[in-house]
Protein backbone atom coordinates (compact mmCIF):
# COMPACT_ATOMS: atom_id res chain seq x y z
CA MET A 1 0.32 -0.06 0.13
CA VAL A 2 1.20 3.48 -0.57
CA ARG A 3 1.10 6.27 2.04
CA GLY A 4 -0.06 9.47 1.52
CA ASP A 5 3.53 10.60 2.19
CA TYR A 6 4.80 8.03 0.06
CA VAL A 7 6.59 11.11 -2.06
CA THR A 8 6.89 14.28 -0.23
CA CYS A 9 7.08 17.73 -1.55
CA GLY A 10 10.87 19.17 -1.58
CA SER A 11 9.50 22.66 -0.97
CA TRP A 12 6.65 24.34 0.77
CA HIS A 13 5.99 25.97 -2.81
CA ASP A 14 5.46 22.46 -4.02
CA ILE A 15 2.71 21.79 -1.27
CA TRP A 16 0.12 20.57 -4.13
CA LEU A 17 2.04 17.28 -4.64
CA ASN A 18 0.98 16.13 -0.89
CA GLU A 19 -2.22 17.60 -0.32
CA GLY A 20 -3.33 18.16 -3.98
CA PHE A 21 -3.09 14.25 -4.93
CA ALA A 22 -4.53 13.37 -1.38
CA THR A 23 -7.79 15.23 -2.31
CA TYR A 24 -8.02 14.43 -6.04
CA LEU A 25 -7.51 10.35 -4.77
CA ASP A 26 -10.48 11.04 -2.44
CA GLY A 27 -12.27 12.11 -5.29
CA MET A 28 -11.81 9.10 -7.12
CA THR A 29 -13.29 6.96 -4.57
CA ASN A 30 -16.06 8.47 -5.70
CA GLU A 31 -15.36 7.85 -8.96
CA HIS A 32 -15.22 4.50 -8.24
CA ASN A 33 -17.68 3.91 -5.66
CA LEU A 34 -15.74 3.04 -2.77
CA ASN A 35 -17.05 6.01 -0.82
CA ASP A 36 -20.45 5.70 1.19
CA ASP A 37 -21.28 9.66 1.14
CA GLY A 38 -23.75 9.29 -1.23
CA VAL A 39 -21.80 11.99 -3.35
CA SER A 40 -21.23 11.28 -7.36
CA PHE A 41 -17.97 12.34 -8.55
CA ASP A 42 -19.27 14.77 -10.73
CA ASP A 43 -20.83 16.28 -7.67
CA TRP A 44 -17.77 16.34 -6.15
CA LYS A 45 -16.24 17.97 -9.34
CA GLN A 46 -18.63 20.51 -8.80
CA ASP A 47 -17.76 21.60 -5.75
CA ARG A 48 -14.34 21.47 -6.03
CA ILE A 49 -14.66 24.05 -9.11
CA ASN A 50 -17.08 26.14 -7.12
CA SER A 51 -14.59 26.61 -4.26
CA ILE A 52 -12.20 27.50 -7.13
CA ILE A 53 -14.01 30.31 -9.01
CA SER A 54 -15.23 31.83 -5.32
CA LYS A 55 -11.96 34.32 -6.20
CA PRO A 56 -10.80 35.42 -9.40
CA ASP A 57 -7.11 35.09 -8.56
CA GLY A 58 -4.92 32.57 -6.98
CA SER A 59 -1.98 30.01 -8.21
CA VAL A 60 -1.34 26.13 -7.28
CA TYR A 61 2.21 27.34 -6.52
CA VAL A 62 2.63 28.89 -3.13
CA THR A 63 4.17 32.42 -3.56
CA ASP A 64 4.56 32.79 -0.28
CA THR A 65 6.50 30.15 2.13
CA THR A 66 6.03 31.62 4.89
CA SER A 67 2.40 31.91 5.26
CA VAL A 68 0.98 29.15 7.25
CA ASN A 69 -2.55 29.93 5.53
CA ARG A 70 -1.38 29.82 2.00
CA ILE A 71 0.39 26.99 2.27
CA PHE A 72 -2.36 25.06 3.36
CA ASN A 73 -5.24 27.29 1.55
CA GLY A 74 -8.12 24.92 1.24
CA ARG A 75 -9.48 26.49 -2.37
CA LEU A 76 -5.46 26.22 -4.21
CA SER A 77 -3.56 23.86 -2.52
CA TYR A 78 -6.07 21.19 -2.55
CA ASP A 79 -9.07 21.73 -4.26
CA LYS A 80 -7.37 23.72 -7.72
CA GLY A 81 -4.61 21.15 -7.05
CA ALA A 82 -6.75 18.27 -7.43
CA MET A 83 -8.61 19.25 -10.11
CA VAL A 84 -5.20 20.66 -12.02
CA LEU A 85 -4.53 16.73 -11.81
CA HIS A 86 -7.84 15.84 -13.01
CA MET A 87 -7.37 17.96 -16.26
CA LEU A 88 -3.88 16.95 -16.86
CA ARG A 89 -5.22 13.51 -16.77
CA LYS A 90 -8.45 14.77 -19.35
CA TYR A 91 -5.56 16.60 -21.15
CA ILE A 92 -3.25 13.86 -21.98
CA GLY A 93 -5.47 10.36 -21.38
CA ASP A 94 -5.67 7.70 -18.74
CA ASP A 95 -2.53 5.60 -19.87
CA ALA A 96 0.12 8.75 -20.09
CA PHE A 97 -1.13 9.72 -16.93
CA PHE A 98 -1.66 6.57 -14.91
CA ASN A 99 1.74 5.15 -16.56
CA GLY A 100 3.06 8.93 -15.93
CA ILE A 101 2.02 8.87 -11.97
CA THR A 102 3.71 5.32 -11.83
CA ASN A 103 6.86 6.37 -12.65
CA TYR A 104 6.41 8.67 -10.36
CA LEU A 105 6.15 6.96 -7.13
CA ASN A 106 7.86 4.26 -8.53
CA ASP A 107 11.41 6.59 -9.34
CA LEU A 108 10.89 9.32 -5.93
CA GLY A 109 9.22 6.80 -3.50
CA ASN A 110 10.27 7.57 0.19
CA GLY A 111 11.95 10.60 -1.20
CA TYR A 112 11.38 13.85 -2.16
CA ALA A 113 10.03 15.75 -4.84
CA ARG A 114 8.82 18.67 -6.81
CA THR A 115 6.42 19.91 -9.73
CA SER A 116 9.22 19.75 -12.33
CA ASP A 117 9.41 15.85 -11.26
CA LEU A 118 5.88 15.08 -11.76
CA GLN A 119 6.04 16.95 -15.13
CA SER A 120 9.60 15.32 -16.43
CA HIS A 121 7.43 11.93 -15.70
CA LEU A 122 4.11 12.93 -17.41
CA GLU A 123 5.75 14.68 -20.04
CA GLN A 124 8.14 11.05 -20.69
CA THR A 125 4.41 8.85 -21.06
CA PHE A 126 2.44 11.60 -22.81
CA GLY A 127 5.43 12.15 -25.17
CA LYS A 128 5.12 15.96 -26.07
CA SER A 129 5.83 19.31 -23.77
CA LEU A 130 3.49 20.39 -20.56
CA GLN A 131 5.03 23.50 -20.04
CA ASP A 132 2.61 25.54 -21.61
CA PHE A 133 -0.64 23.64 -19.26
CA PHE A 134 1.96 23.90 -16.30
CA ASP A 135 2.58 28.23 -16.80
CA ASP A 136 -1.02 27.89 -17.18
CA TRP A 137 -2.41 25.68 -14.84
CA PHE A 138 0.20 25.51 -11.73
CA TYR A 139 2.11 28.74 -11.81
CA GLY A 140 -0.87 31.05 -13.34
CA GLU A 141 -3.76 32.85 -11.41
CA GLY A 142 -7.46 31.88 -12.38
CA TYR A 143 -9.50 30.13 -14.48
CA PRO A 144 -10.83 30.71 -18.64
CA ILE A 145 -14.12 31.71 -19.27
CA TYR A 146 -16.04 30.83 -22.16
CA THR A 147 -18.59 32.43 -24.97
CA ILE A 148 -19.02 29.30 -27.23
CA TYR A 149 -21.24 29.89 -30.24
CA PHE A 150 -22.32 27.32 -32.29
CA SER A 151 -24.52 26.72 -35.71
CA GLN A 152 -26.13 23.62 -37.97
CA ASN A 153 -26.97 24.17 -41.01
CA GLN A 154 -29.33 22.19 -43.66
CA ASN A 155 -26.61 19.70 -44.26
CA LYS A 156 -26.13 19.35 -40.69
CA ASP A 157 -22.59 20.73 -40.87
CA VAL A 158 -21.78 22.26 -37.58
CA THR A 159 -19.66 25.43 -36.76
CA VAL A 160 -18.54 26.10 -33.13
CA THR A 161 -16.49 29.15 -32.25
CA MET A 162 -15.02 29.37 -28.84
CA ASN A 163 -14.09 32.52 -27.18
CA GLN A 164 -12.32 32.83 -23.97
CA THR A 165 -11.73 35.66 -21.29
CA GLN A 166 -9.81 35.09 -17.95
CA SER A 167 -10.75 35.80 -14.57
CA ASN A 168 -7.18 37.40 -14.02
CA ASN A 169 -4.63 38.49 -16.34
CA SER A 170 -1.73 36.48 -15.33
CA VAL A 171 -2.15 33.97 -18.24
CA ASP A 172 -3.15 35.23 -21.69
CA PHE A 173 -5.06 31.74 -23.09
CA PHE A 174 -5.78 29.15 -21.01
CA ASN A 175 -4.83 26.12 -23.72
CA MET A 176 -7.30 23.56 -23.00
CA LYS A 177 -9.41 20.65 -24.31
CA ILE A 178 -12.81 21.67 -24.15
CA PRO A 179 -15.81 19.25 -24.44
CA LEU A 180 -18.77 20.12 -25.89
CA LYS A 181 -22.19 18.32 -25.11
CA PHE A 182 -24.57 17.74 -28.31
CA LEU A 183 -27.79 17.29 -27.62
CA GLY A 184 -31.03 15.96 -30.30
CA VAL A 185 -34.37 15.22 -29.76
CA ASP A 186 -33.27 10.98 -30.12
CA LYS A 187 -29.67 11.35 -29.65
CA ASP A 188 -26.36 13.05 -28.63
CA THR A 189 -22.94 13.12 -28.08
CA VAL A 190 -19.94 14.83 -26.46
CA ILE A 191 -16.73 16.43 -28.18
CA TRP A 192 -13.84 17.08 -27.00
CA PHE A 193 -12.16 20.16 -29.12
CA ASP A 194 -8.66 21.31 -28.66
CA ASN A 195 -8.94 25.01 -28.10
CA ASN A 196 -5.41 26.77 -28.74
CA VAL A 197 -6.44 30.30 -29.99
CA ASN A 198 -8.77 32.88 -29.19
CA GLY A 199 -12.00 32.78 -31.58
CA GLU A 200 -11.11 29.32 -32.76
CA GLN A 201 -13.50 27.97 -35.41
CA PHE A 202 -14.18 23.97 -35.29
CA ASN A 203 -16.22 22.58 -38.55
CA PHE A 204 -17.69 18.81 -38.78
CA HIS A 205 -20.34 16.58 -39.56
CA LEU A 206 -22.97 15.51 -37.09
CA ASP A 207 -25.69 12.71 -38.60
CA PHE A 208 -28.28 14.35 -36.28
CA LEU A 209 -30.26 18.02 -35.78
CA VAL A 210 -28.28 19.90 -33.04
CA THR A 211 -31.38 21.34 -30.59
CA ALA A 212 -28.50 22.63 -27.89
CA ALA A 213 -25.28 22.04 -26.25
CA ILE A 214 -24.16 21.68 -22.67
CA PHE A 215 -20.52 22.82 -21.90
CA ASP A 216 -18.27 20.60 -20.10
CA PRO A 217 -20.74 18.59 -18.88
CA ASN A 218 -19.09 16.44 -16.64
CA HIS A 219 -16.98 19.23 -14.97
CA ASP A 220 -14.03 18.27 -16.04
CA ILE A 221 -12.35 21.39 -16.08
CA ILE A 222 -12.16 24.60 -14.07
CA SER A 223 -13.90 27.53 -15.79
CA GLY A 224 -16.70 29.71 -14.42
CA SER A 225 -19.77 31.00 -15.86
CA SER A 226 -18.92 29.65 -19.31
CA THR A 227 -22.09 30.01 -21.97
CA VAL A 228 -22.74 27.98 -24.94
CA LEU A 229 -25.28 29.74 -27.40
CA LYS A 230 -26.85 28.52 -30.65
CA ILE A 231 -27.45 30.51 -33.63
CA ASP A 232 -30.27 29.81 -36.12
CA THR A 233 -30.58 32.34 -38.69
CA PHE A 234 -28.66 36.18 -38.51
CA ASP A 235 -27.06 38.77 -41.13
CA LYS A 236 -23.20 39.21 -40.88
CA ALA A 237 -23.60 42.35 -38.09
CA ASN A 238 -24.78 39.18 -35.31
CA LYS A 239 -21.93 37.16 -36.49
CA VAL A 240 -19.12 39.28 -35.38
CA PHE A 241 -17.26 39.01 -32.22
CA VAL A 242 -14.39 41.20 -30.38
CA ILE A 243 -12.80 39.53 -27.71
CA PRO A 244 -11.41 40.44 -25.16
CA ASN A 245 -13.50 43.17 -24.15
CA PRO A 246 -12.12 45.02 -22.45
CA ALA A 247 -9.29 44.89 -23.66
CA ARG A 248 -5.39 45.57 -23.00
CA ASN A 249 -3.29 45.43 -26.02
CA LYS A 250 -5.03 43.84 -28.65
CA ILE A 251 -8.34 42.82 -30.17
CA THR A 252 -9.61 40.20 -32.00
CA VAL A 253 -12.48 40.27 -33.92
CA THR A 254 -14.24 36.94 -34.79
CA PHE A 255 -16.65 36.63 -37.37
CA LEU A 256 -18.73 33.54 -38.35
CA GLU A 257 -18.42 33.73 -42.06
CA LYS A 258 -15.41 35.08 -43.90
CA ILE A 259 -15.12 38.17 -44.85
CA ILE A 260 -12.92 40.42 -46.85
CA PRO A 261 -13.36 44.18 -45.66
CA GLU A 262 -12.51 46.83 -48.01
CA LYS A 263 -12.01 48.69 -45.12
CA THR A 264 -11.72 48.68 -41.47
CA ILE A 265 -11.40 51.94 -39.06
CA ILE A 266 -11.19 52.33 -35.24
CA CYS A 267 -13.15 55.80 -33.93
CA ASN A 268 -13.41 56.87 -30.55
CA ASN A 269 -16.73 58.13 -29.17
CA THR A 270 -17.12 61.28 -30.79
CA GLY A 271 -16.52 59.60 -34.07
CA LYS A 272 -12.62 60.34 -34.39
CA ILE A 273 -11.27 58.31 -36.63
CA LEU A 274 -8.07 57.10 -34.93
CA LYS A 275 -7.05 54.10 -36.91
CA SER A 276 -7.43 52.83 -40.19
CA TYR A 277 -6.57 49.70 -42.35
CA SER A 278 -6.61 49.01 -45.78
CA LYS A 279 -8.73 46.39 -47.53
CA SER A 280 -7.86 42.86 -46.98
CA LYS A 281 -5.90 40.71 -49.32
CA GLU A 282 -8.00 37.64 -48.89
CA SER A 283 -11.03 36.37 -46.97
CA ASN A 284 -10.81 35.93 -43.48
CA TYR A 285 -13.03 35.34 -40.34
CA LYS A 286 -10.68 36.28 -37.83
CA PHE A 287 -8.96 39.90 -37.55
CA GLU A 288 -6.18 40.94 -34.90
CA PHE A 289 -5.52 44.85 -33.80
CA ASP A 290 -3.19 46.30 -31.82
CA ILE A 291 -4.85 48.95 -28.92
CA SER A 292 -2.61 49.07 -26.95
CA ASP A 293 -1.33 52.82 -27.58
CA LEU A 294 -4.99 53.71 -27.35
CA PRO A 295 -5.98 55.43 -23.98
CA SER A 296 -8.19 54.07 -21.57
CA GLY A 297 -11.95 54.46 -23.22
CA MET A 298 -15.04 52.93 -25.28
CA TYR A 299 -14.54 52.48 -29.17
CA TYR A 300 -16.12 51.51 -32.32
CA ILE A 301 -14.65 49.31 -35.00
CA SER A 302 -15.98 49.20 -38.32
CA PHE A 303 -15.64 46.43 -40.88
CA TYR A 304 -16.94 48.01 -44.92
CA GLU A 305 -17.93 45.45 -47.34
CA ASP A 306 -19.79 45.98 -50.46
CA GLY A 307 -21.50 49.47 -49.57
CA LYS A 308 -22.61 47.91 -45.66
CA ASN A 309 -20.52 48.76 -42.50
CA ILE A 310 -20.62 46.46 -39.19
CA THR A 311 -19.88 47.91 -35.96
CA LYS A 312 -18.57 46.50 -32.80
CA LYS A 313 -18.12 48.13 -29.50
CA PHE A 314 -15.30 47.68 -27.37
CA VAL A 315 -13.48 49.20 -24.25
CA LYS A 316 -9.60 49.44 -23.69
CA ASP A 317 -8.54 49.24 -19.90
């Protein structure tokens, strides 16, 4: 039997290697029906997520090792540590995860470990770097918030657009695999999307008509107030989104249909043109603009195409 202290954290910075693992193993007793508390694994995960998102900041990595309250913080070292382990499992798959953990225990049992030791063992079985994941979820603070749009045409082809904001500006973007459950009248399916950029679009076919979609149906990722919206009939003006909004350094404007804007301008709230961009060379659905030189305030960005314009409002922090 492996004791809870079989591998001890090599620094208080890495206390989650003890407490996050202990918390996650407790949750796995619910997953395998070994706990008589009557709580399902999905409900157990939802409780952890609710705890984590109760505040917009905080990293699993302990920045202040002189504070006992921070070292043994239930929201971060225990709950967020446990859910980061669960998300790692979902991100790399059960085989890579459990094989990596087995090797980690075999190599470091009855000794000390740092987070980098766990990362390297999981990377060996996964076969890819996990640095971005650990930068976002171990060192970074906060969590992502998603606004996701989907549509389906008469051929049952589906388009999904994923927009993300962050609860804390320590992370520019959380690279994650996102599960959506698509519901039909007599059929449903769960699809995982490997989301790596803001405003990313995914196109695929389903063999049934989708009536609705659910974000993260089994509570597998840390996120707060995320929504999935179905778009049925609309014109281009209702198919464009500005992310993030408010923004600091840049905005990404995403259309659900490609356009070739003849001209794009950014105005302040008095109508004064501050930036102007010439015709795009090719059709696209995503456009990025540097707004770092603009003072804080409200602005409007307008796209001109075929004698018409589409205008969206955004706020510069």
